[in-house]
């Protein structure tokens, strides 16, 4: 390291730059919006299971559950989008796809693990 001090300093700068990039890429994944979507998705999954049990797995229960999932998912997305616009500049796009993916994943996981309990 003594013979090539420039390479050592350059590697420290690269490591620092990589840490900053990693912190910037992980921070949006741990936002409060993602947490809200995960919690609401889990609750929605349990409500869909309740609707299914209440209607004995009929087509009516399926239709009611589908309307519930679409309306609840839309309302959560609209709420988070409104909150995003209020807190951030208008030029920054809202991560709607990540919110919907988190909501759906949490709902499916809640339904899946609900079968085991």
PDB file of N, CA and C in Angstrom:
ATOM      1  N   UNK A   1       0.801  -1.191   0.000  1.00  0.00           N
ATOM      2  CA  UNK A   1       0.000   0.000   0.000  1.00  0.00           C
ATOM      3  C   UNK A   1       0.851   1.265   0.000  1.00  0.00           C
ATOM      4  N   UNK A   2       2.065   1.146   0.435  1.00  0.00           N
ATOM      5  CA  UNK A   2       2.946   2.306   0.477  1.00  0.00           C
ATOM      6  C   UNK A   2       3.403   2.664  -0.927  1.00  0.00           C
ATOM      7  N   UNK A   3       3.631   1.661  -1.761  1.00  0.00           N
ATOM      8  CA  UNK A   3       4.147   1.921  -3.090  1.00  0.00           C
ATOM      9  C   UNK A   3       3.097   2.564  -3.997  1.00  0.00           C
ATOM     10  N   UNK A   4       1.832   2.254  -3.773  1.00  0.00           N
ATOM     11  CA  UNK A   4       0.765   2.762  -4.632  1.00  0.00           C
ATOM     12  C   UNK A   4      -0.313   3.456  -3.794  1.00  0.00           C
ATOM     13  N   UNK A   5      -0.016   4.622  -3.232  1.00  0.00           N
ATOM     14  CA  UNK A   5      -1.003   5.267  -2.369  1.00  0.00           C
ATOM     15  C   UNK A   5      -2.239   5.731  -3.135  1.00  0.00           C
ATOM     16  N   UNK A   6      -2.095   6.041  -4.410  1.00  0.00           N
ATOM     17  CA  UNK A   6      -3.244   6.497  -5.188  1.00  0.00           C
ATOM     18  C   UNK A   6      -4.304   5.423  -5.330  1.00  0.00           C
ATOM     19  N   UNK A   7      -3.869   4.190  -5.485  1.00  0.00           N
ATOM     20  CA  UNK A   7      -4.833   3.096  -5.611  1.00  0.00           C
ATOM     21  C   UNK A   7      -5.580   2.859  -4.310  1.00  0.00           C
ATOM     22  N   UNK A   8      -4.893   3.005  -3.202  1.00  0.00           N
ATOM     23  CA  UNK A   8      -5.543   2.802  -1.909  1.00  0.00           C
ATOM     24  C   UNK A   8      -6.598   3.880  -1.671  1.00  0.00           C
ATOM     25  N   UNK A   9      -6.252   5.112  -1.959  1.00  0.00           N
ATOM     26  CA  UNK A   9      -7.215   6.211  -1.782  1.00  0.00           C
ATOM     27  C   UNK A   9      -8.374   6.037  -2.753  1.00  0.00           C
ATOM     28  N   UNK A  10      -8.076   5.644  -3.971  1.00  0.00           N
ATOM     29  CA  UNK A  10      -9.136   5.419  -4.946  1.00  0.00           C
ATOM     30  C   UNK A  10     -10.090   4.321  -4.503  1.00  0.00           C
ATOM     31  N   UNK A  11      -9.555   3.272  -3.897  1.00  0.00           N
ATOM     32  CA  UNK A  11     -10.430   2.191  -3.440  1.00  0.00           C
ATOM     33  C   UNK A  11     -11.291   2.653  -2.274  1.00  0.00           C
ATOM     34  N   UNK A  12     -10.751   3.508  -1.413  1.00  0.00           N
ATOM     35  CA  UNK A  12     -11.569   4.061  -0.326  1.00  0.00           C
ATOM     36  C   UNK A  12     -12.684   4.928  -0.874  1.00  0.00           C
ATOM     37  N   UNK A  13     -12.387   5.705  -1.894  1.00  0.00           N
ATOM     38  CA  UNK A  13     -13.420   6.535  -2.502  1.00  0.00           C
ATOM     39  C   UNK A  13     -14.475   5.678  -3.172  1.00  0.00           C
ATOM     40  N   UNK A  14     -14.067   4.597  -3.815  1.00  0.00           N
ATOM     41  CA  UNK A  14     -15.039   3.696  -4.441  1.00  0.00           C
ATOM     42  C   UNK A  14     -15.916   3.030  -3.388  1.00  0.00           C
ATOM     43  N   UNK A  15     -15.316   2.601  -2.279  1.00  0.00           N
ATOM     44  CA  UNK A  15     -16.096   1.976  -1.212  1.00  0.00           C
ATOM     45  C   UNK A  15     -17.107   2.956  -0.629  1.00  0.00           C
ATOM     46  N   UNK A  16     -16.681   4.197  -0.415  1.00  0.00           N
ATOM     47  CA  UNK A  16     -17.587   5.209   0.109  1.00  0.00           C
ATOM     48  C   UNK A  16     -18.707   5.478  -0.881  1.00  0.00           C
ATOM     49  N   UNK A  17     -18.375   5.557  -2.152  1.00  0.00           N
ATOM     50  CA  UNK A  17     -19.403   5.787  -3.178  1.00  0.00           C
ATOM     51  C   UNK A  17     -20.375   4.620  -3.232  1.00  0.00           C
ATOM     52  N   UNK A  18     -19.873   3.391  -3.120  1.00  0.00           N
ATOM     53  CA  UNK A  18     -20.748   2.216  -3.142  1.00  0.00           C
ATOM     54  C   UNK A  18     -21.673   2.192  -1.932  1.00  0.00           C
ATOM     55  N   UNK A  19     -21.175   2.592  -0.771  1.00  0.00           N
ATOM     56  CA  UNK A  19     -22.026   2.639   0.419  1.00  0.00           C
ATOM     57  C   UNK A  19     -23.147   3.657   0.240  1.00  0.00           C
ATOM     58  N   UNK A  20     -22.831   4.802  -0.349  1.00  0.00           N
ATOM     59  CA  UNK A  20     -23.856   5.821  -0.578  1.00  0.00           C
ATOM     60  C   UNK A  20     -24.911   5.323  -1.552  1.00  0.00           C
ATOM     61  N   UNK A  21     -24.469   4.654  -2.625  1.00  0.00           N
ATOM     62  CA  UNK A  21     -25.410   4.118  -3.603  1.00  0.00           C
ATOM     63  C   UNK A  21     -26.293   3.059  -2.965  1.00  0.00           C
ATOM     64  N   UNK A  22     -25.704   2.188  -2.170  1.00  0.00           N
ATOM     65  CA  UNK A  22     -26.473   1.149  -1.494  1.00  0.00           C
ATOM     66  C   UNK A  22     -27.487   1.761  -0.532  1.00  0.00           C
ATOM     67  N   UNK A  23     -27.075   2.764   0.220  1.00  0.00           N
ATOM     68  CA  UNK A  23     -27.993   3.418   1.159  1.00  0.00           C
ATOM     69  C   UNK A  23     -29.128   4.102   0.415  1.00  0.00           C
ATOM     70  N   UNK A  24     -28.840   4.697  -0.734  1.00  0.00           N
ATOM     71  CA  UNK A  24     -29.888   5.354  -1.513  1.00  0.00           C
ATOM     72  C   UNK A  24     -30.836   4.346  -2.138  1.00  0.00           C
ATOM     73  N   UNK A  25     -30.349   3.170  -2.498  1.00  0.00           N
ATOM     74  CA  UNK A  25     -31.215   2.185  -3.140  1.00  0.00           C
ATOM     75  C   UNK A  25     -32.041   1.405  -2.132  1.00  0.00           C
ATOM     76  N   UNK A  26     -31.572   1.263  -0.899  1.00  0.00           N
ATOM     77  CA  UNK A  26     -32.308   0.517   0.114  1.00  0.00           C
ATOM     78  C   UNK A  26     -33.312   1.404   0.845  1.00  0.00           C
ATOM     79  N   UNK A  27     -33.021   2.684   0.974  1.00  0.00           N
ATOM     80  CA  UNK A  27     -33.882   3.587   1.736  1.00  0.00           C
ATOM     81  C   UNK A  27     -35.320   3.634   1.222  1.00  0.00           C
ATOM     82  N   UNK A  28     -35.586   3.693  -0.092  1.00  0.00           N
ATOM     83  CA  UNK A  28     -36.982   3.712  -0.532  1.00  0.00           C
ATOM     84  C   UNK A  28     -37.729   2.418  -0.224  1.00  0.00           C
ATOM     85  N   UNK A  29     -37.015   1.320  -0.101  1.00  0.00           N
ATOM     86  CA  UNK A  29     -37.686   0.056   0.192  1.00  0.00           C
ATOM     87  C   UNK A  29     -38.181  -0.005   1.622  1.00  0.00           C
ATOM     88  N   UNK A  30     -37.617   0.800   2.491  1.00  0.00           N
ATOM     89  CA  UNK A  30     -37.981   0.777   3.895  1.00  0.00           C
ATOM     90  C   UNK A  30     -38.832   1.978   4.281  1.00  0.00           C
ATOM     91  N   UNK A  31     -39.568   2.536   3.342  1.00  0.00           N
ATOM     92  CA  UNK A  31     -40.339   3.742   3.615  1.00  0.00           C
ATOM     93  C   UNK A  31     -41.613   3.408   4.380  1.00  0.00           C
ATOM     94  N   UNK A  32     -42.229   4.447   4.915  1.00  0.00           N
ATOM     95  CA  UNK A  32     -43.465   4.242   5.664  1.00  0.00           C
ATOM     96  C   UNK A  32     -44.600   3.830   4.735  1.00  0.00           C
ATOM     97  N   UNK A  33     -44.547   4.260   3.479  1.00  0.00           N
ATOM     98  CA  UNK A  33     -45.574   3.842   2.522  1.00  0.00           C
ATOM     99  C   UNK A  33     -45.550   2.342   2.288  1.00  0.00           C
ATOM    100  N   UNK A  34     -44.359   1.777   2.216  1.00  0.00           N
ATOM    101  CA  UNK A  34     -44.250   0.326   2.026  1.00  0.00           C
ATOM    102  C   UNK A  34     -44.752  -0.415   3.259  1.00  0.00           C
ATOM    103  N   UNK A  35     -44.459   0.132   4.433  1.00  0.00           N
ATOM    104  CA  UNK A  35     -44.936  -0.482   5.668  1.00  0.00           C
ATOM    105  C   UNK A  35     -46.462  -0.433   5.736  1.00  0.00           C
ATOM    106  N   UNK A  36     -47.047   0.699   5.361  1.00  0.00           N
ATOM    107  CA  UNK A  36     -48.506   0.829   5.349  1.00  0.00           C
ATOM    108  C   UNK A  36     -49.111  -0.185   4.389  1.00  0.00           C
ATOM    109  N   UNK A  37     -48.525  -0.329   3.208  1.00  0.00           N
ATOM    110  CA  UNK A  37     -49.033  -1.300   2.234  1.00  0.00           C
ATOM    111  C   UNK A  37     -48.939  -2.730   2.754  1.00  0.00           C
ATOM    112  N   UNK A  38     -47.857  -3.052   3.429  1.00  0.00           N
ATOM    113  CA  UNK A  38     -47.699  -4.410   3.952  1.00  0.00           C
ATOM    114  C   UNK A  38     -48.738  -4.702   5.028  1.00  0.00           C
ATOM    115  N   UNK A  39     -48.964  -3.761   5.918  1.00  0.00           N
ATOM    116  CA  UNK A  39     -49.944  -3.974   6.990  1.00  0.00           C
ATOM    117  C   UNK A  39     -51.355  -4.061   6.420  1.00  0.00           C
ATOM    118  N   UNK A  40     -51.700  -3.127   5.537  1.00  0.00           N
ATOM    119  CA  UNK A  40     -53.039  -3.137   4.943  1.00  0.00           C
ATOM    120  C   UNK A  40     -53.245  -4.389   4.100  1.00  0.00           C
ATOM    121  N   UNK A  41     -52.210  -4.816   3.385  1.00  0.00           N
ATOM    122  CA  UNK A  41     -52.321  -6.038   2.591  1.00  0.00           C
ATOM    123  C   UNK A  41     -52.577  -7.255   3.457  1.00  0.00           C
ATOM    124  N   UNK A  42     -51.919  -7.330   4.603  1.00  0.00           N
ATOM    125  CA  UNK A  42     -52.167  -8.437   5.524  1.00  0.00           C
ATOM    126  C   UNK A  42     -53.585  -8.437   6.057  1.00  0.00           C
ATOM    127  N   UNK A  43     -54.092  -7.273   6.394  1.00  0.00           N
ATOM    128  CA  UNK A  43     -55.472  -7.166   6.884  1.00  0.00           C
ATOM    129  C   UNK A  43     -56.459  -7.499   5.772  1.00  0.00           C
ATOM    130  N   UNK A  44     -56.178  -7.012   4.558  1.00  0.00           N
ATOM    131  CA  UNK A  44     -57.063  -7.329   3.432  1.00  0.00           C
ATOM    132  C   UNK A  44     -57.108  -8.827   3.159  1.00  0.00           C
ATOM    133  N   UNK A  45     -55.969  -9.499   3.268  1.00  0.00           N
ATOM    134  CA  UNK A  45     -55.946 -10.945   3.067  1.00  0.00           C
ATOM    135  C   UNK A  45     -56.813 -11.670   4.073  1.00  0.00           C
ATOM    136  N   UNK A  46     -56.761 -11.238   5.326  1.00  0.00           N
ATOM    137  CA  UNK A  46     -57.600 -11.875   6.344  1.00  0.00           C
ATOM    138  C   UNK A  46     -59.087 -11.579   6.113  1.00  0.00           C
ATOM    139  N   UNK A  47     -59.405 -10.378   5.639  1.00  0.00           N
ATOM    140  CA  UNK A  47     -60.804 -10.063   5.334  1.00  0.00           C
ATOM    141  C   UNK A  47     -61.311 -10.863   4.142  1.00  0.00           C
ATOM    142  N   UNK A  48     -60.465 -11.063   3.143  1.00  0.00           N
ATOM    143  CA  UNK A  48     -60.856 -11.896   1.996  1.00  0.00           C
ATOM    144  C   UNK A  48     -61.101 -13.333   2.453  1.00  0.00           C
ATOM    145  N   UNK A  49     -60.248 -13.828   3.349  1.00  0.00           N
ATOM    146  CA  UNK A  49     -60.475 -15.173   3.896  1.00  0.00           C
ATOM    147  C   UNK A  49     -61.800 -15.232   4.655  1.00  0.00           C
ATOM    148  N   UNK A  50     -62.108 -14.189   5.410  1.00  0.00           N
ATOM    149  CA  UNK A  50     -63.381 -14.142   6.135  1.00  0.00           C
ATOM    150  C   UNK A  50     -64.574 -14.122   5.204  1.00  0.00           C
ATOM    151  N   UNK A  51     -64.468 -13.360   4.111  1.00  0.00           N
ATOM    152  CA  UNK A  51     -65.558 -13.328   3.120  1.00  0.00           C
ATOM    153  C   UNK A  51     -65.731 -14.702   2.494  1.00  0.00           C
ATOM    154  N   UNK A  52     -64.626 -15.363   2.192  1.00  0.00           N
ATOM    155  CA  UNK A  52     -64.688 -16.697   1.594  1.00  0.00           C
ATOM    156  C   UNK A  52     -65.346 -17.705   2.534  1.00  0.00           C
ATOM    157  N   UNK A  53     -64.976 -17.652   3.802  1.00  0.00           N
ATOM    158  CA  UNK A  53     -65.569 -18.575   4.776  1.00  0.00           C
ATOM    159  C   UNK A  53     -67.047 -18.276   4.972  1.00  0.00           C
ATOM    160  N   UNK A  54     -67.384 -16.993   5.024  1.00  0.00           N
ATOM    161  CA  UNK A  54     -68.780 -16.602   5.254  1.00  0.00           C
ATOM    162  C   UNK A  54     -69.694 -17.052   4.123  1.00  0.00           C
ATOM    163  N   UNK A  55     -69.204 -17.015   2.882  1.00  0.00           N
ATOM    164  CA  UNK A  55     -70.019 -17.387   1.733  1.00  0.00           C
ATOM    165  C   UNK A  55     -69.735 -18.808   1.257  1.00  0.00           C
ATOM    166  N   UNK A  56     -69.025 -19.595   2.023  1.00  0.00           N
ATOM    167  CA  UNK A  56     -68.735 -21.001   1.708  1.00  0.00           C
ATOM    168  C   UNK A  56     -68.081 -21.191   0.339  1.00  0.00           C
ATOM    169  N   UNK A  57     -67.238 -20.248  -0.075  1.00  0.00           N
ATOM    170  CA  UNK A  57     -66.508 -20.381  -1.336  1.00  0.00           C
ATOM    171  C   UNK A  57     -67.380 -20.264  -2.571  1.00  0.00           C
ATOM    172  N   UNK A  58     -68.546 -19.605  -2.489  1.00  0.00           N
ATOM    173  CA  UNK A  58     -69.430 -19.474  -3.648  1.00  0.00           C
ATOM    174  C   UNK A  58     -68.938 -18.375  -4.580  1.00  0.00           C
ATOM    175  N   UNK A  59     -69.585 -18.305  -5.752  1.00  0.00           N
ATOM    176  CA  UNK A  59     -69.238 -17.264  -6.710  1.00  0.00           C
ATOM    177  C   UNK A  59     -69.597 -15.879  -6.185  1.00  0.00           C
ATOM    178  N   UNK A  60     -70.639 -15.782  -5.394  1.00  0.00           N
ATOM    179  CA  UNK A  60     -71.014 -14.502  -4.798  1.00  0.00           C
ATOM    180  C   UNK A  60     -69.909 -14.011  -3.854  1.00  0.00           C
ATOM    181  N   UNK A  61     -69.382 -14.910  -3.051  1.00  0.00           N
ATOM    182  CA  UNK A  61     -68.284 -14.554  -2.162  1.00  0.00           C
ATOM    183  C   UNK A  61     -67.049 -14.131  -2.939  1.00  0.00           C
ATOM    184  N   UNK A  62     -66.780 -14.805  -4.059  1.00  0.00           N
ATOM    185  CA  UNK A  62     -65.652 -14.446  -4.902  1.00  0.00           C
ATOM    186  C   UNK A  62     -65.837 -13.053  -5.499  1.00  0.00           C
ATOM    187  N   UNK A  63     -67.045 -12.760  -5.962  1.00  0.00           N
ATOM    188  CA  UNK A  63     -67.323 -11.436  -6.538  1.00  0.00           C
ATOM    189  C   UNK A  63     -67.205 -10.344  -5.483  1.00  0.00           C
ATOM    190  N   UNK A  64     -67.719 -10.587  -4.286  1.00  0.00           N
ATOM    191  CA  UNK A  64     -67.625  -9.605  -3.205  1.00  0.00           C
ATOM    192  C   UNK A  64     -66.159  -9.386  -2.814  1.00  0.00           C
ATOM    193  N   UNK A  65     -65.402 -10.463  -2.720  1.00  0.00           N
ATOM    194  CA  UNK A  65     -63.978 -10.345  -2.369  1.00  0.00           C
ATOM    195  C   UNK A  65     -63.208  -9.578  -3.447  1.00  0.00           C
ATOM    196  N   UNK A  66     -63.536  -9.819  -4.723  1.00  0.00           N
ATOM    197  CA  UNK A  66     -62.869  -9.119  -5.815  1.00  0.00           C
ATOM    198  C   UNK A  66     -63.163  -7.619  -5.774  1.00  0.00           C
ATOM    199  N   UNK A  67     -64.422  -7.260  -5.548  1.00  0.00           N
ATOM    200  CA  UNK A  67     -64.779  -5.838  -5.440  1.00  0.00           C
ATOM    201  C   UNK A  67     -64.080  -5.212  -4.239  1.00  0.00           C
ATOM    202  N   UNK A  68     -64.019  -5.943  -3.134  1.00  0.00           N
ATOM    203  CA  UNK A  68     -63.349  -5.427  -1.945  1.00  0.00           C
ATOM    204  C   UNK A  68     -61.863  -5.197  -2.200  1.00  0.00           C
ATOM    205  N   UNK A  69     -61.196  -6.151  -2.827  1.00  0.00           N
ATOM    206  CA  UNK A  69     -59.758  -6.030  -3.087  1.00  0.00           C
ATOM    207  C   UNK A  69     -59.479  -4.852  -4.021  1.00  0.00           C
ATOM    208  N   UNK A  70     -60.272  -4.708  -5.071  1.00  0.00           N
ATOM    209  CA  UNK A  70     -60.049  -3.602  -6.007  1.00  0.00           C
ATOM    210  C   UNK A  70     -60.306  -2.247  -5.358  1.00  0.00           C
ATOM    211  N   UNK A  71     -61.389  -2.132  -4.616  1.00  0.00           N
ATOM    212  CA  UNK A  71     -61.707  -0.835  -4.007  1.00  0.00           C
ATOM    213  C   UNK A  71     -60.745  -0.492  -2.873  1.00  0.00           C
ATOM    214  N   UNK A  72     -60.390  -1.455  -2.051  1.00  0.00           N
ATOM    215  CA  UNK A  72     -59.455  -1.186  -0.953  1.00  0.00           C
ATOM    216  C   UNK A  72     -58.060  -0.893  -1.486  1.00  0.00           C
ATOM    217  N   UNK A  73     -57.624  -1.623  -2.494  1.00  0.00           N
ATOM    218  CA  UNK A  73     -56.317  -1.352  -3.094  1.00  0.00           C
ATOM    219  C   UNK A  73     -56.257   0.025  -3.729  1.00  0.00           C
ATOM    220  N   UNK A  74     -57.334   0.412  -4.403  1.00  0.00           N
ATOM    221  CA  UNK A  74     -57.368   1.745  -5.010  1.00  0.00           C
ATOM    222  C   UNK A  74     -57.373   2.836  -3.948  1.00  0.00           C
ATOM    223  N   UNK A  75     -58.114   2.636  -2.872  1.00  0.00           N
ATOM    224  CA  UNK A  75     -58.163   3.674  -1.842  1.00  0.00           C
ATOM    225  C   UNK A  75     -56.816   3.818  -1.123  1.00  0.00           C
ATOM    226  N   UNK A  76     -56.139   2.720  -0.862  1.00  0.00           N
ATOM    227  CA  UNK A  76     -54.817   2.798  -0.233  1.00  0.00           C
ATOM    228  C   UNK A  76     -53.821   3.492  -1.170  1.00  0.00           C
ATOM    229  N   UNK A  77     -53.856   3.159  -2.448  1.00  0.00           N
ATOM    230  CA  UNK A  77     -52.957   3.784  -3.407  1.00  0.00           C
ATOM    231  C   UNK A  77     -53.237   5.277  -3.541  1.00  0.00           C
ATOM    232  N   UNK A  78     -54.510   5.665  -3.571  1.00  0.00           N
ATOM    233  CA  UNK A  78     -54.845   7.084  -3.658  1.00  0.00           C
ATOM    234  C   UNK A  78     -54.401   7.832  -2.403  1.00  0.00           C
ATOM    235  N   UNK A  79     -54.578   7.209  -1.243  1.00  0.00           N
ATOM    236  CA  UNK A  79     -54.136   7.849  -0.001  1.00  0.00           C
ATOM    237  C   UNK A  79     -52.632   8.059   0.001  1.00  0.00           C
ATOM    238  N   UNK A  80     -51.876   7.033  -0.379  1.00  0.00           N
ATOM    239  CA  UNK A  80     -50.416   7.153  -0.394  1.00  0.00           C
ATOM    240  C   UNK A  80     -49.944   8.142  -1.457  1.00  0.00           C
ATOM    241  N   UNK A  81     -50.635   8.192  -2.593  1.00  0.00           N
ATOM    242  CA  UNK A  81     -50.268   9.153  -3.631  1.00  0.00           C
ATOM    243  C   UNK A  81     -50.518  10.584  -3.151  1.00  0.00           C
ATOM    244  N   UNK A  82     -51.632  10.808  -2.470  1.00  0.00           N
ATOM    245  CA  UNK A  82     -51.915  12.134  -1.924  1.00  0.00           C
ATOM    246  C   UNK A  82     -50.846  12.534  -0.910  1.00  0.00           C
ATOM    247  N   UNK A  83     -50.494  11.603  -0.036  1.00  0.00           N
ATOM    248  CA  UNK A  83     -49.460  11.868   0.953  1.00  0.00           C
ATOM    249  C   UNK A  83     -48.103  12.140   0.302  1.00  0.00           C
ATOM    250  N   UNK A  84     -47.810  11.411  -0.766  1.00  0.00           N
ATOM    251  CA  UNK A  84     -46.555  11.593  -1.493  1.00  0.00           C
ATOM    252  C   UNK A  84     -46.493  12.991  -2.110  1.00  0.00           C
ATOM    253  N   UNK A  85     -47.592  13.440  -2.712  1.00  0.00           N
ATOM    254  CA  UNK A  85     -47.626  14.763  -3.345  1.00  0.00           C
ATOM    255  C   UNK A  85     -47.479  15.863  -2.295  1.00  0.00           C
ATOM    256  N   UNK A  86     -48.071  15.663  -1.129  1.00  0.00           N
ATOM    257  CA  UNK A  86     -47.982  16.672  -0.073  1.00  0.00           C
ATOM    258  C   UNK A  86     -46.569  16.780   0.500  1.00  0.00           C
ATOM    259  N   UNK A  87     -45.834  15.688   0.551  1.00  0.00           N
ATOM    260  CA  UNK A  87     -44.543  15.680   1.225  1.00  0.00           C
ATOM    261  C   UNK A  87     -43.348  15.863   0.292  1.00  0.00           C
ATOM    262  N   UNK A  88     -43.501  15.628  -0.996  1.00  0.00           N
ATOM    263  CA  UNK A  88     -42.360  15.662  -1.902  1.00  0.00           C
ATOM    264  C   UNK A  88     -42.628  16.612  -3.060  1.00  0.00           C
ATOM    265  N   UNK A  89     -41.581  16.984  -3.786  1.00  0.00           N
ATOM    266  CA  UNK A  89     -41.786  17.853  -4.947  1.00  0.00           C
ATOM    267  C   UNK A  89     -42.593  17.146  -6.029  1.00  0.00           C
ATOM    268  N   UNK A  90     -43.276  17.924  -6.804  1.00  0.00           N
ATOM    269  CA  UNK A  90     -44.146  17.355  -7.840  1.00  0.00           C
ATOM    270  C   UNK A  90     -43.365  16.645  -8.953  1.00  0.00           C
ATOM    271  N   UNK A  91     -42.102  16.972  -9.097  1.00  0.00           N
ATOM    272  CA  UNK A  91     -41.318  16.349 -10.168  1.00  0.00           C
ATOM    273  C   UNK A  91     -40.904  14.924  -9.834  1.00  0.00           C
ATOM    274  N   UNK A  92     -40.940  14.549  -8.566  1.00  0.00           N
ATOM    275  CA  UNK A  92     -40.560  13.186  -8.171  1.00  0.00           C
ATOM    276  C   UNK A  92     -41.769  12.260  -8.316  1.00  0.00           C
ATOM    277  N   UNK A  93     -41.664  11.221  -9.147  1.00  0.00           N
ATOM    278  CA  UNK A  93     -42.817  10.332  -9.346  1.00  0.00           C
ATOM    279  C   UNK A  93     -43.073   9.456  -8.116  1.00  0.00           C
ATOM    280  N   UNK A  94     -44.317   9.154  -7.909  1.00  0.00           N
ATOM    281  CA  UNK A  94     -44.696   8.287  -6.789  1.00  0.00           C
ATOM    282  C   UNK A  94     -44.411   6.834  -7.153  1.00  0.00           C
ATOM    283  N   UNK A  95     -43.922   6.042  -6.203  1.00  0.00           N
ATOM    284  CA  UNK A  95     -43.618   4.625  -6.494  1.00  0.00           C
ATOM    285  C   UNK A  95     -44.870   3.749  -6.400  1.00  0.00           C
ATOM    286  N   UNK A  96     -45.849   4.026  -7.251  1.00  0.00           N
ATOM    287  CA  UNK A  96     -47.143   3.326  -7.190  1.00  0.00           C
ATOM    288  C   UNK A  96     -46.982   1.838  -7.464  1.00  0.00           C
ATOM    289  N   UNK A  97     -46.120   1.471  -8.404  1.00  0.00           N
ATOM    290  CA  UNK A  97     -45.938   0.048  -8.719  1.00  0.00           C
ATOM    291  C   UNK A  97     -45.405  -0.712  -7.513  1.00  0.00           C
ATOM    292  N   UNK A  98     -44.461  -0.114  -6.783  1.00  0.00           N
ATOM    293  CA  UNK A  98     -43.931  -0.779  -5.582  1.00  0.00           C
ATOM    294  C   UNK A  98     -45.000  -0.895  -4.509  1.00  0.00           C
ATOM    295  N   UNK A  99     -45.835   0.137  -4.366  1.00  0.00           N
ATOM    296  CA  UNK A  99     -46.898   0.081  -3.365  1.00  0.00           C
ATOM    297  C   UNK A  99     -47.878  -1.051  -3.687  1.00  0.00           C
ATOM    298  N   UNK A 100     -48.279  -1.132  -4.954  1.00  0.00           N
ATOM    299  CA  UNK A 100     -49.234  -2.180  -5.338  1.00  0.00           C
ATOM    300  C   UNK A 100     -48.611  -3.573  -5.224  1.00  0.00           C
ATOM    301  N   UNK A 101     -47.342  -3.695  -5.576  1.00  0.00           N
ATOM    302  CA  UNK A 101     -46.663  -4.983  -5.442  1.00  0.00           C
ATOM    303  C   UNK A 101     -46.576  -5.405  -3.978  1.00  0.00           C
ATOM    304  N   UNK A 102     -46.249  -4.462  -3.106  1.00  0.00           N
ATOM    305  CA  UNK A 102     -46.171  -4.773  -1.676  1.00  0.00           C
ATOM    306  C   UNK A 102     -47.542  -5.129  -1.124  1.00  0.00           C
ATOM    307  N   UNK A 103     -48.557  -4.374  -1.531  1.00  0.00           N
ATOM    308  CA  UNK A 103     -49.926  -4.643  -1.073  1.00  0.00           C
ATOM    309  C   UNK A 103     -50.380  -6.038  -1.495  1.00  0.00           C
ATOM    310  N   UNK A 104     -50.171  -6.373  -2.763  1.00  0.00           N
ATOM    311  CA  UNK A 104     -50.573  -7.688  -3.262  1.00  0.00           C
ATOM    312  C   UNK A 104     -49.787  -8.823  -2.644  1.00  0.00           C
ATOM    313  N   UNK A 105     -48.491  -8.628  -2.481  1.00  0.00           N
ATOM    314  CA  UNK A 105     -47.653  -9.669  -1.874  1.00  0.00           C
ATOM    315  C   UNK A 105     -48.060  -9.929  -0.431  1.00  0.00           C
ATOM    316  N   UNK A 106     -48.298  -8.860   0.313  1.00  0.00           N
ATOM    317  CA  UNK A 106     -48.716  -9.035   1.708  1.00  0.00           C
ATOM    318  C   UNK A 106     -50.082  -9.696   1.796  1.00  0.00           C
ATOM    319  N   UNK A 107     -50.978  -9.352   0.878  1.00  0.00           N
ATOM    320  CA  UNK A 107     -52.309  -9.959   0.897  1.00  0.00           C
ATOM    321  C   UNK A 107     -52.229 -11.449   0.568  1.00  0.00           C
ATOM    322  N   UNK A 108     -51.464 -11.796  -0.433  1.00  0.00           N
ATOM    323  CA  UNK A 108     -51.314 -13.214  -0.807  1.00  0.00           C
ATOM    324  C   UNK A 108     -50.619 -13.991   0.312  1.00  0.00           C
ATOM    325  N   UNK A 109     -49.598 -13.387   0.913  1.00  0.00           N
ATOM    326  CA  UNK A 109     -48.910 -14.059   2.022  1.00  0.00           C
ATOM    327  C   UNK A 109     -49.858 -14.253   3.203  1.00  0.00           C
ATOM    328  N   UNK A 110     -50.704 -13.273   3.469  1.00  0.00           N
ATOM    329  CA  UNK A 110     -51.658 -13.394   4.566  1.00  0.00           C
ATOM    330  C   UNK A 110     -52.676 -14.511   4.297  1.00  0.00           C
ATOM    331  N   UNK A 111     -53.134 -14.593   3.067  1.00  0.00           N
ATOM    332  CA  UNK A 111     -54.077 -15.668   2.707  1.00  0.00           C
ATOM    333  C   UNK A 111     -53.373 -17.016   2.773  1.00  0.00           C
ATOM    334  N   UNK A 112     -52.150 -17.093   2.248  1.00  0.00           N
ATOM    335  CA  UNK A 112     -51.399 -18.351   2.246  1.00  0.00           C
ATOM    336  C   UNK A 112     -51.146 -18.852   3.651  1.00  0.00           C
ATOM    337  N   UNK A 113     -50.645 -17.983   4.519  1.00  0.00           N
ATOM    338  CA  UNK A 113     -50.351 -18.399   5.887  1.00  0.00           C
ATOM    339  C   UNK A 113     -51.602 -18.507   6.732  1.00  0.00           C
ATOM    340  N   UNK A 114     -52.707 -17.926   6.285  1.00  0.00           N
ATOM    341  CA  UNK A 114     -53.972 -18.068   6.999  1.00  0.00           C
ATOM    342  C   UNK A 114     -54.530 -19.478   6.914  1.00  0.00           C
ATOM    343  N   UNK A 115     -54.161 -20.206   5.856  1.00  0.00           N
ATOM    344  CA  UNK A 115     -54.616 -21.586   5.713  1.00  0.00           C
ATOM    345  C   UNK A 115     -53.990 -22.501   6.771  1.00  0.00           C
ATOM    346  N   UNK A 116     -52.842 -22.114   7.283  1.00  0.00           N
ATOM    347  CA  UNK A 116     -52.117 -22.973   8.222  1.00  0.00           C
ATOM    348  C   UNK A 116     -52.491 -22.743   9.667  1.00  0.00           C
ATOM    349  N   UNK A 117     -53.247 -21.681   9.943  1.00  0.00           N
ATOM    350  CA  UNK A 117     -53.572 -21.369  11.349  1.00  0.00           C
ATOM    351  C   UNK A 117     -55.018 -21.589  11.666  1.00  0.00           C
TER     352      UNK A 117
END
